[in-house]
Amino acid sequence: MQNMKWTVNLTRKAYKKLIKLPQAIQDLADLAISDLEEQGINPQGWDTLKTGEGEYRLRLNYRYRMRY
């Protein structure tokens, strides 16, 4: 089976908010985006939850979440 590579695009609004977050959270978000690109919508090692039709949430730490 061939490995599929996913593409992750941040909106301009999301990018602006991301760069204002603490560096540790930015690093976690970068790692999460990398894992999403490699493994798809449900990457291993992350707490993910389907929140709606075609919507997911990934927990970065106890306080921060990513929605995609």
C-alpha atoms as a PDB file:
ATOM      1  CA  MET A   1       0.000   0.000   0.000  1.00  0.00           C
ATOM      2  CA  GLN A   2       1.293   3.427  -0.930  1.00  0.00           C
ATOM      3  CA  ASN A   3       1.633   6.079   1.789  1.00  0.00           C
ATOM      4  CA  MET A   4      -0.579   9.079   1.154  1.00  0.00           C
ATOM      5  CA  LYS A   5       0.734  12.557   1.962  1.00  0.00           C
ATOM      6  CA  TRP A   6      -1.870  15.019   3.259  1.00  0.00           C
ATOM      7  CA  THR A   7      -1.698  18.773   2.764  1.00  0.00           C
ATOM      8  CA  VAL A   8      -2.377  21.092   5.704  1.00  0.00           C
ATOM      9  CA  ASN A   9      -3.191  24.745   4.967  1.00  0.00           C
ATOM     10  CA  LEU A  10      -3.648  27.361   7.673  1.00  0.00           C
ATOM     11  CA  THR A  11      -5.984  30.251   7.053  1.00  0.00           C
ATOM     12  CA  ARG A  12      -4.471  33.717   7.377  1.00  0.00           C
ATOM     13  CA  LYS A  13      -6.504  34.269  10.551  1.00  0.00           C
ATOM     14  CA  ALA A  14      -5.289  30.990  12.090  1.00  0.00           C
ATOM     15  CA  TYR A  15      -1.668  31.802  11.221  1.00  0.00           C
ATOM     16  CA  LYS A  16      -1.920  35.254  12.825  1.00  0.00           C
ATOM     17  CA  LYS A  17      -3.305  33.713  16.017  1.00  0.00           C
ATOM     18  CA  LEU A  18      -0.697  30.950  16.016  1.00  0.00           C
ATOM     19  CA  ILE A  19       2.279  33.327  15.925  1.00  0.00           C
ATOM     20  CA  LYS A  20       0.914  35.163  18.985  1.00  0.00           C
ATOM     21  CA  LEU A  21       0.842  31.983  21.092  1.00  0.00           C
ATOM     22  CA  PRO A  22       3.699  30.946  23.408  1.00  0.00           C
ATOM     23  CA  GLN A  23       6.652  29.315  21.622  1.00  0.00           C
ATOM     24  CA  ALA A  24       6.008  25.938  23.285  1.00  0.00           C
ATOM     25  CA  ILE A  25       2.464  25.874  21.860  1.00  0.00           C
ATOM     26  CA  GLN A  26       3.745  26.936  18.430  1.00  0.00           C
ATOM     27  CA  ASP A  27       6.194  24.019  18.534  1.00  0.00           C
ATOM     28  CA  LEU A  28       3.390  21.599  19.452  1.00  0.00           C
ATOM     29  CA  ALA A  29       1.235  22.967  16.633  1.00  0.00           C
ATOM     30  CA  ASP A  30       4.108  22.505  14.151  1.00  0.00           C
ATOM     31  CA  LEU A  31       4.555  18.925  15.321  1.00  0.00           C
ATOM     32  CA  ALA A  32       0.802  18.281  15.073  1.00  0.00           C
ATOM     33  CA  ILE A  33       0.668  19.728  11.550  1.00  0.00           C
ATOM     34  CA  SER A  34       3.617  17.558  10.542  1.00  0.00           C
ATOM     35  CA  ASP A  35       1.902  14.460  11.963  1.00  0.00           C
ATOM     36  CA  LEU A  36      -1.365  15.372  10.223  1.00  0.00           C
ATOM     37  CA  GLU A  37       0.497  15.633   6.907  1.00  0.00           C
ATOM     38  CA  GLU A  38       2.179  12.254   7.425  1.00  0.00           C
ATOM     39  CA  GLN A  39      -0.625  10.249   9.061  1.00  0.00           C
ATOM     40  CA  GLY A  40      -3.881  11.914   8.028  1.00  0.00           C
ATOM     41  CA  ILE A  41      -6.847  13.052  10.081  1.00  0.00           C
ATOM     42  CA  ASN A  42      -6.254  10.753  13.062  1.00  0.00           C
ATOM     43  CA  PRO A  43      -2.499  10.820  13.864  1.00  0.00           C
ATOM     44  CA  GLN A  44      -1.137   8.402  16.458  1.00  0.00           C
ATOM     45  CA  GLY A  45      -0.083   9.828  19.798  1.00  0.00           C
ATOM     46  CA  TRP A  46      -2.529  12.738  19.736  1.00  0.00           C
ATOM     47  CA  ASP A  47      -5.841  13.065  21.550  1.00  0.00           C
ATOM     48  CA  THR A  48      -8.273  13.588  18.658  1.00  0.00           C
ATOM     49  CA  LEU A  49     -12.046  13.757  18.608  1.00  0.00           C
ATOM     50  CA  LYS A  50     -14.565  13.982  15.802  1.00  0.00           C
ATOM     51  CA  THR A  51     -16.729  16.983  16.714  1.00  0.00           C
ATOM     52  CA  GLY A  52     -19.067  17.058  13.750  1.00  0.00           C
ATOM     53  CA  GLU A  53     -19.546  16.114  10.139  1.00  0.00           C
ATOM     54  CA  GLY A  54     -16.041  16.420   8.721  1.00  0.00           C
ATOM     55  CA  GLU A  55     -14.752  18.357  11.763  1.00  0.00           C
ATOM     56  CA  TYR A  56     -12.096  17.199  14.196  1.00  0.00           C
ATOM     57  CA  ARG A  57     -10.303  18.522  17.255  1.00  0.00           C
ATOM     58  CA  LEU A  58      -6.732  17.754  18.300  1.00  0.00           C
ATOM     59  CA  ARG A  59      -5.557  18.472  21.825  1.00  0.00           C
ATOM     60  CA  LEU A  60      -2.157  20.201  21.994  1.00  0.00           C
ATOM     61  CA  ASN A  61      -2.051  20.350  25.793  1.00  0.00           C
ATOM     62  CA  TYR A  62      -4.488  20.780  28.673  1.00  0.00           C
ATOM     63  CA  ARG A  63      -5.370  24.306  27.541  1.00  0.00           C
ATOM     64  CA  TYR A  64      -4.919  24.503  23.754  1.00  0.00           C
ATOM     65  CA  ARG A  65      -6.769  22.694  20.952  1.00  0.00           C
ATOM     66  CA  MET A  66      -6.582  22.698  17.160  1.00  0.00           C
ATOM     67  CA  ARG A  67      -9.746  22.412  15.093  1.00  0.00           C
ATOM     68  CA  TYR A  68      -9.588  21.044  11.586  1.00  0.00           C
END
